[in-house]
Amino acid sequence: MPGLRLGILLWAQATPWGPMLEAARRIDALGYDSLWTWDHLYAIYGDPYQDYFEGPSVLAAWAASTTRVRLGLMVGANTFRNPGLFAKQTATLDHLSGGRAVAGIGGAWFDLEHHAHGIEFGSGFGQRLDWLDESVGLVRRILDGETVTHHGPRYDFDGVVHHPRPVQAHLPILIGGEGERKTLRTVAKYADMWNASSGSLDALRHKDEVLRRHCADVGRDPSTIERTVSCKLVIRDTEDEARRVYRVQLEHNRCFYEEGPDVWLGTPGQIAERLRGFRALGFSTLIPEMPAPYDLESIERLIGEVKPLVDAG
């Protein structure tokens, strides 16, 4: 079984720029595979009006300040941009980073920021996921160098062609979401990477089975899609100490304390044991979310202590 791949998602809220940049540099230096941030206009945890940094601008700054990690949005809000603009921004990021961009995209969900800014939100999740499917197909074609004419229900292109092409011959697309009827079918059709919430093993096993059925329907080899799973993570010498740190993080972000299946609090051994179950399902990449103030101890211990335990079996 290949070694565990690791990414980090840095929350873009409740932080000055300096610590966010320094955390990105540290993640890059430690040897992580990928680095991500959100794509929103308001904070999505706690007070929506607290400090928040815009995602594509953050990625551009990281591209100039790191050397090896892949960079992407987790995930881009399809409603925010025409797919041609999204493709151009992603190809530009690929050049800024020397070929490290990932086109992370999803259907979007945060109604407050859409309504406040006058961004069309559609009639509901179903319509936004239809928009996403049409959009991702166009993004794929543009990134691959096609000249695209398309007259669809949502988007209208007339001979769109972009130069320069991305540095990567095949710039990967990551799609986030778990909707069984539409999202996972779009994943099967277009995605190189799929991101799911950690949830329970049984729930993710079911979602993966649904994805495999969609892959069969569209003629896709499911092994060509990298499975990634997200969680909220604190690693300490005891569960109680991890819980204390997590509580401080949430208070800083003006959030109520809560734990759920996606909250992983514990020792390196406990986290490694939990990860083995997800890895056995085929989820080869873990991408924890890190709130500000960024927990460098957990970031260092995940790659320095947990990964060797998981890779050793």
Protein backbone atom coordinates (compact mmCIF):
# COMPACT_ATOMS: atom_id res chain seq x y z
CA MET A 1 0.00 0.00 0.00
CA PRO A 2 1.44 3.43 -0.90
CA GLY A 3 2.46 5.76 1.90
CA LEU A 4 -0.09 8.04 3.53
CA ARG A 5 -0.34 11.42 1.82
CA LEU A 6 -0.97 14.49 3.96
CA GLY A 7 -2.32 17.96 3.36
CA ILE A 8 -3.32 20.82 5.62
CA LEU A 9 -6.20 23.25 5.22
CA LEU A 10 -5.59 26.56 7.02
CA TRP A 11 -8.75 28.37 8.08
CA ALA A 12 -8.72 31.84 6.52
CA GLN A 13 -10.57 33.53 9.39
CA ALA A 14 -9.67 35.13 12.72
CA THR A 15 -5.99 35.53 11.86
CA PRO A 16 -3.58 38.23 10.71
CA TRP A 17 -1.74 37.49 7.47
CA GLY A 18 1.67 36.95 9.06
CA PRO A 19 0.83 33.75 11.00
CA MET A 20 -1.03 32.34 7.99
CA LEU A 21 2.01 32.84 5.78
CA GLU A 22 4.43 31.45 8.35
CA ALA A 23 2.26 28.36 8.90
CA ALA A 24 2.23 27.76 5.12
CA ARG A 25 6.00 27.99 4.96
CA ARG A 26 6.36 25.56 7.85
CA ILE A 27 3.95 23.07 6.25
CA ASP A 28 5.97 23.26 3.03
CA ALA A 29 9.28 22.76 4.85
CA LEU A 30 7.96 19.75 6.79
CA GLY A 31 7.25 17.86 3.57
CA TYR A 32 3.45 17.93 3.36
CA ASP A 33 1.95 17.01 0.01
CA SER A 34 -0.66 19.77 -0.23
CA LEU A 35 -1.85 23.03 1.29
CA TRP A 36 -5.37 24.41 1.05
CA THR A 37 -7.60 27.27 2.09
CA TRP A 38 -11.28 28.12 1.78
CA ASP A 39 -13.10 30.08 -0.91
CA HIS A 40 -15.55 32.38 0.85
CA LEU A 41 -16.24 36.06 1.41
CA TYR A 42 -17.35 35.78 5.03
CA ALA A 43 -16.09 33.62 7.88
CA ILE A 44 -17.97 30.31 7.96
CA TYR A 45 -17.52 29.45 11.66
CA GLY A 46 -18.77 31.69 14.43
CA ASP A 47 -19.27 35.37 13.63
CA PRO A 48 -19.38 35.66 9.82
CA TYR A 49 -18.15 39.26 9.99
CA GLN A 50 -14.83 38.55 11.70
CA ASP A 51 -11.55 38.87 9.79
CA TYR A 52 -11.41 36.73 6.66
CA PHE A 53 -8.95 36.47 3.72
CA GLU A 54 -9.99 35.78 0.11
CA GLY A 55 -8.85 32.39 -1.15
CA PRO A 56 -7.29 32.80 -4.62
CA SER A 57 -5.24 35.77 -3.41
CA VAL A 58 -3.94 33.65 -0.52
CA LEU A 59 -2.96 30.87 -2.94
CA ALA A 60 -1.04 33.32 -5.14
CA ALA A 61 0.93 34.57 -2.13
CA TRP A 62 1.65 31.01 -1.01
CA ALA A 63 2.82 30.09 -4.51
CA ALA A 64 5.54 32.72 -4.24
CA SER A 65 6.46 31.69 -0.67
CA THR A 66 6.61 27.87 -0.89
CA THR A 67 8.55 25.42 -3.04
CA ARG A 68 6.97 21.96 -3.05
CA VAL A 69 3.37 21.64 -1.73
CA ARG A 70 0.45 21.40 -4.12
CA LEU A 71 -1.90 24.36 -3.67
CA GLY A 72 -5.68 24.57 -4.00
CA LEU A 73 -9.01 25.79 -2.73
CA MET A 74 -10.99 23.44 -0.50
CA VAL A 75 -13.12 24.03 -2.38
CA GLY A 76 -13.73 26.80 -4.90
CA ALA A 77 -17.29 28.12 -4.97
CA ASN A 78 -18.51 27.47 -8.49
CA THR A 79 -21.13 30.20 -8.12
CA PHE A 80 -18.47 32.89 -7.61
CA ARG A 81 -16.88 32.67 -11.06
CA ASN A 82 -17.50 31.88 -14.66
CA PRO A 83 -15.71 28.58 -15.39
CA GLY A 84 -13.50 30.33 -17.94
CA LEU A 85 -12.30 32.73 -15.26
CA PHE A 86 -11.76 29.87 -12.84
CA ALA A 87 -9.70 27.98 -15.44
CA LYS A 88 -7.60 31.08 -16.15
CA GLN A 89 -6.97 31.72 -12.44
CA THR A 90 -5.99 28.08 -11.89
CA ALA A 91 -3.61 27.98 -14.86
CA THR A 92 -2.03 31.21 -13.65
CA LEU A 93 -1.57 29.70 -10.18
CA ASP A 94 0.09 26.71 -11.83
CA HIS A 95 2.67 29.02 -13.38
CA LEU A 96 3.16 31.07 -10.21
CA SER A 97 3.85 27.84 -8.29
CA GLY A 98 5.92 26.04 -10.92
CA GLY A 99 3.28 23.39 -11.61
CA ARG A 100 1.71 22.81 -8.18
CA ALA A 101 -1.90 23.94 -8.65
CA VAL A 102 -4.98 21.83 -7.98
CA ALA A 103 -8.37 23.01 -9.27
CA GLY A 104 -10.51 22.50 -6.17
CA ILE A 105 -14.19 23.19 -6.79
CA GLY A 106 -17.66 22.51 -5.39
CA GLY A 107 -21.25 23.61 -5.72
CA ALA A 108 -21.20 26.31 -2.95
CA TRP A 109 -23.51 26.41 0.07
CA PHE A 110 -23.19 29.61 2.16
CA ASP A 111 -26.34 31.60 1.38
CA LEU A 112 -25.47 34.65 3.53
CA GLU A 113 -22.41 35.66 1.53
CA HIS A 114 -24.26 35.17 -1.77
CA HIS A 115 -27.26 37.24 -0.80
CA ALA A 116 -25.15 39.98 0.79
CA HIS A 117 -22.97 40.38 -2.30
CA GLY A 118 -25.71 39.90 -4.88
CA ILE A 119 -24.24 36.65 -6.22
CA GLU A 120 -26.80 34.36 -7.84
CA PHE A 121 -27.44 31.39 -5.55
CA GLY A 122 -29.88 29.41 -7.65
CA SER A 123 -33.07 27.71 -6.56
CA GLY A 124 -31.34 25.15 -4.33
CA PHE A 125 -28.59 22.55 -4.09
CA GLY A 126 -29.93 20.62 -7.06
CA GLN A 127 -29.62 23.53 -9.46
CA ARG A 128 -26.19 24.54 -8.12
CA LEU A 129 -24.95 20.99 -8.62
CA ASP A 130 -26.24 21.05 -12.20
CA TRP A 131 -24.26 24.26 -12.68
CA LEU A 132 -21.22 22.57 -11.15
CA ASP A 133 -21.39 19.59 -13.50
CA GLU A 134 -21.60 21.83 -16.56
CA SER A 135 -18.84 24.09 -15.23
CA VAL A 136 -16.32 21.36 -14.38
CA GLY A 137 -16.68 19.83 -17.82
CA LEU A 138 -15.80 23.19 -19.35
CA VAL A 139 -12.89 23.79 -16.97
CA ARG A 140 -11.43 20.40 -17.88
CA ARG A 141 -11.59 21.14 -21.59
CA ILE A 142 -10.05 24.61 -21.24
CA LEU A 143 -7.21 23.40 -19.01
CA ASP A 144 -6.52 20.63 -21.52
CA GLY A 145 -6.01 23.21 -24.26
CA GLU A 146 -9.21 22.80 -26.25
CA THR A 147 -10.93 25.62 -28.06
CA VAL A 148 -14.35 25.51 -26.44
CA THR A 149 -17.66 26.52 -27.96
CA HIS A 150 -20.56 25.58 -25.71
CA HIS A 151 -24.18 26.66 -25.50
CA GLY A 152 -25.59 25.11 -22.37
CA PRO A 153 -28.35 25.73 -19.87
CA ARG A 154 -26.03 27.84 -17.66
CA TYR A 155 -22.87 28.79 -19.59
CA ASP A 156 -22.35 30.13 -23.08
CA PHE A 157 -18.84 30.01 -24.61
CA ASP A 158 -17.82 31.07 -28.10
CA GLY A 159 -14.38 29.82 -29.10
CA VAL A 160 -12.75 30.08 -25.67
CA VAL A 161 -9.06 29.17 -25.73
CA HIS A 162 -6.45 30.05 -23.10
CA HIS A 163 -2.71 30.64 -23.27
CA PRO A 164 -0.40 29.83 -21.68
CA ARG A 165 -1.40 26.27 -21.00
CA PRO A 166 -0.84 25.09 -17.41
CA VAL A 167 2.64 23.88 -16.53
CA GLN A 168 1.19 20.46 -15.67
CA ALA A 169 0.21 18.40 -18.67
CA HIS A 170 -2.89 17.32 -16.76
CA LEU A 171 -3.76 19.79 -14.01
CA PRO A 172 -5.75 17.83 -11.40
CA ILE A 173 -9.32 18.70 -10.47
CA LEU A 174 -10.55 18.05 -6.92
CA ILE A 175 -14.29 18.01 -6.24
CA GLY A 176 -15.59 18.26 -2.70
CA GLY A 177 -18.93 16.87 -1.58
CA GLU A 178 -20.85 13.68 -0.98
CA GLY A 179 -24.21 14.07 -2.72
CA GLU A 180 -25.02 10.66 -4.10
CA ARG A 181 -27.12 11.51 -7.11
CA LYS A 182 -25.27 14.50 -8.61
CA THR A 183 -21.98 15.37 -6.88
CA LEU A 184 -20.53 11.88 -6.93
CA ARG A 185 -21.54 11.46 -10.56
CA THR A 186 -19.63 14.66 -11.39
CA VAL A 187 -16.67 13.26 -9.45
CA ALA A 188 -16.84 10.08 -11.52
CA LYS A 189 -16.93 12.05 -14.77
CA TYR A 190 -14.25 14.66 -14.16
CA ALA A 191 -12.37 14.54 -10.85
CA ASP A 192 -8.81 13.44 -10.26
CA MET A 193 -9.34 13.85 -6.52
CA TRP A 194 -12.42 13.60 -4.28
CA ASN A 195 -12.71 15.15 -0.82
CA ALA A 196 -15.16 13.87 1.78
CA SER A 197 -15.79 14.67 5.42
CA SER A 198 -14.43 12.03 7.77
CA GLY A 199 -17.81 11.00 9.21
CA SER A 200 -18.08 7.34 10.15
CA LEU A 201 -16.34 4.51 8.34
CA ASP A 202 -19.69 2.94 7.43
CA ALA A 203 -20.95 6.21 5.94
CA LEU A 204 -17.82 6.69 3.85
CA ARG A 205 -17.84 3.06 2.75
CA HIS A 206 -21.35 3.63 1.40
CA LYS A 207 -20.35 6.87 -0.36
CA ASP A 208 -17.40 5.11 -1.96
CA GLU A 209 -19.68 2.35 -3.20
CA VAL A 210 -21.95 4.95 -4.77
CA LEU A 211 -18.96 6.59 -6.45
CA ARG A 212 -17.85 3.24 -7.83
CA ARG A 213 -21.30 2.68 -9.34
CA HIS A 214 -21.16 6.09 -11.02
CA CYS A 215 -17.69 5.26 -12.33
CA ALA A 216 -19.05 2.06 -13.86
CA ASP A 217 -21.89 4.00 -15.47
CA VAL A 218 -19.54 6.53 -17.12
CA GLY A 219 -16.75 4.08 -17.96
CA ARG A 220 -14.23 5.42 -15.44
CA ASP A 221 -11.65 3.38 -13.55
CA PRO A 222 -12.37 4.30 -9.90
CA SER A 223 -8.73 3.70 -8.94
CA THR A 224 -7.77 6.80 -10.96
CA ILE A 225 -9.54 9.05 -8.41
CA GLU A 226 -7.51 9.96 -5.32
CA ARG A 227 -9.71 9.71 -2.23
CA THR A 228 -9.07 12.44 0.35
CA VAL A 229 -10.73 12.82 3.73
CA SER A 230 -10.92 15.88 5.99
CA CYS A 231 -11.18 16.26 9.75
CA LYS A 232 -10.49 18.70 12.57
CA LEU A 233 -7.39 17.50 14.37
CA VAL A 234 -5.45 18.15 17.57
CA ILE A 235 -2.59 15.87 18.64
CA ARG A 236 -1.24 15.94 22.18
CA ASP A 237 0.13 13.49 24.74
CA THR A 238 -3.37 13.00 26.21
CA GLU A 239 -6.92 13.29 24.94
CA ASP A 240 -7.74 15.77 27.70
CA GLU A 241 -4.94 18.10 26.63
CA ALA A 242 -6.01 17.83 22.97
CA ARG A 243 -9.54 18.69 23.99
CA ARG A 244 -8.34 21.73 25.95
CA VAL A 245 -6.40 23.02 22.92
CA TYR A 246 -9.38 22.47 20.62
CA ARG A 247 -11.62 24.40 23.00
CA VAL A 248 -9.21 27.36 22.93
CA GLN A 249 -9.17 27.28 19.12
CA LEU A 250 -12.96 27.39 18.90
CA GLU A 251 -13.19 30.22 21.42
CA HIS A 252 -10.69 32.22 19.37
CA ASN A 253 -12.91 31.70 16.30
CA ARG A 254 -16.04 32.70 18.26
CA CYS A 255 -17.48 29.20 17.99
CA PHE A 256 -19.41 27.05 20.44
CA TYR A 257 -17.54 23.95 21.57
CA GLU A 258 -18.74 20.78 19.88
CA GLU A 259 -17.36 17.39 18.93
CA GLY A 260 -18.51 15.06 16.18
CA PRO A 261 -17.21 12.29 13.93
CA ASP A 262 -15.03 14.79 12.07
CA VAL A 263 -13.23 15.96 15.24
CA TRP A 264 -10.11 13.88 15.95
CA LEU A 265 -8.56 14.61 19.34
CA GLY A 266 -5.90 12.35 20.83
CA THR A 267 -2.40 10.97 20.99
CA PRO A 268 -0.33 10.04 17.92
CA GLY A 269 -1.21 6.38 18.48
CA GLN A 270 -4.93 7.08 18.69
CA ILE A 271 -4.90 9.20 15.54
CA ALA A 272 -2.87 6.57 13.67
CA GLU A 273 -5.32 3.83 14.64
CA ARG A 274 -8.23 5.90 13.43
CA LEU A 275 -6.47 6.66 10.17
CA ARG A 276 -5.80 3.00 9.42
CA GLY A 277 -9.52 2.38 9.04
CA PHE A 278 -9.94 5.15 6.49
CA ARG A 279 -6.83 4.11 4.63
CA ALA A 280 -8.15 0.56 4.38
CA LEU A 281 -11.22 1.99 2.60
CA GLY A 282 -8.93 3.54 -0.01
CA PHE A 283 -8.73 7.07 1.40
CA SER A 284 -5.02 7.59 0.85
CA THR A 285 -4.86 11.29 1.74
CA LEU A 286 -5.75 13.05 5.00
CA ILE A 287 -6.33 16.81 4.93
CA PRO A 288 -7.03 18.16 8.44
CA GLU A 289 -8.49 21.63 8.91
CA MET A 290 -6.44 23.93 11.16
CA PRO A 291 -8.16 26.91 12.82
CA ALA A 292 -6.23 29.96 13.91
CA PRO A 293 -4.20 30.26 16.05
CA TYR A 294 -2.51 27.60 13.94
CA ASP A 295 -1.50 24.53 15.91
CA LEU A 296 2.08 23.93 14.78
CA GLU A 297 2.53 21.15 17.31
CA SER A 298 -0.22 19.06 15.71
CA ILE A 299 1.09 19.91 12.23
CA GLU A 300 4.57 18.70 13.18
CA ARG A 301 3.42 15.60 15.05
CA LEU A 302 1.03 14.47 12.29
CA ILE A 303 3.81 14.14 9.72
CA GLY A 304 6.60 13.35 12.18
CA GLU A 305 4.88 10.80 14.45
CA VAL A 306 1.49 9.73 13.07
CA LYS A 307 2.49 9.17 9.45
CA PRO A 308 5.34 6.73 10.32
CA LEU A 309 2.95 4.73 12.50
CA VAL A 310 0.36 4.49 9.72
CA ASP A 311 2.91 3.69 7.01
CA ALA A 312 4.36 0.93 9.18
CA GLY A 313 0.94 -0.71 9.31
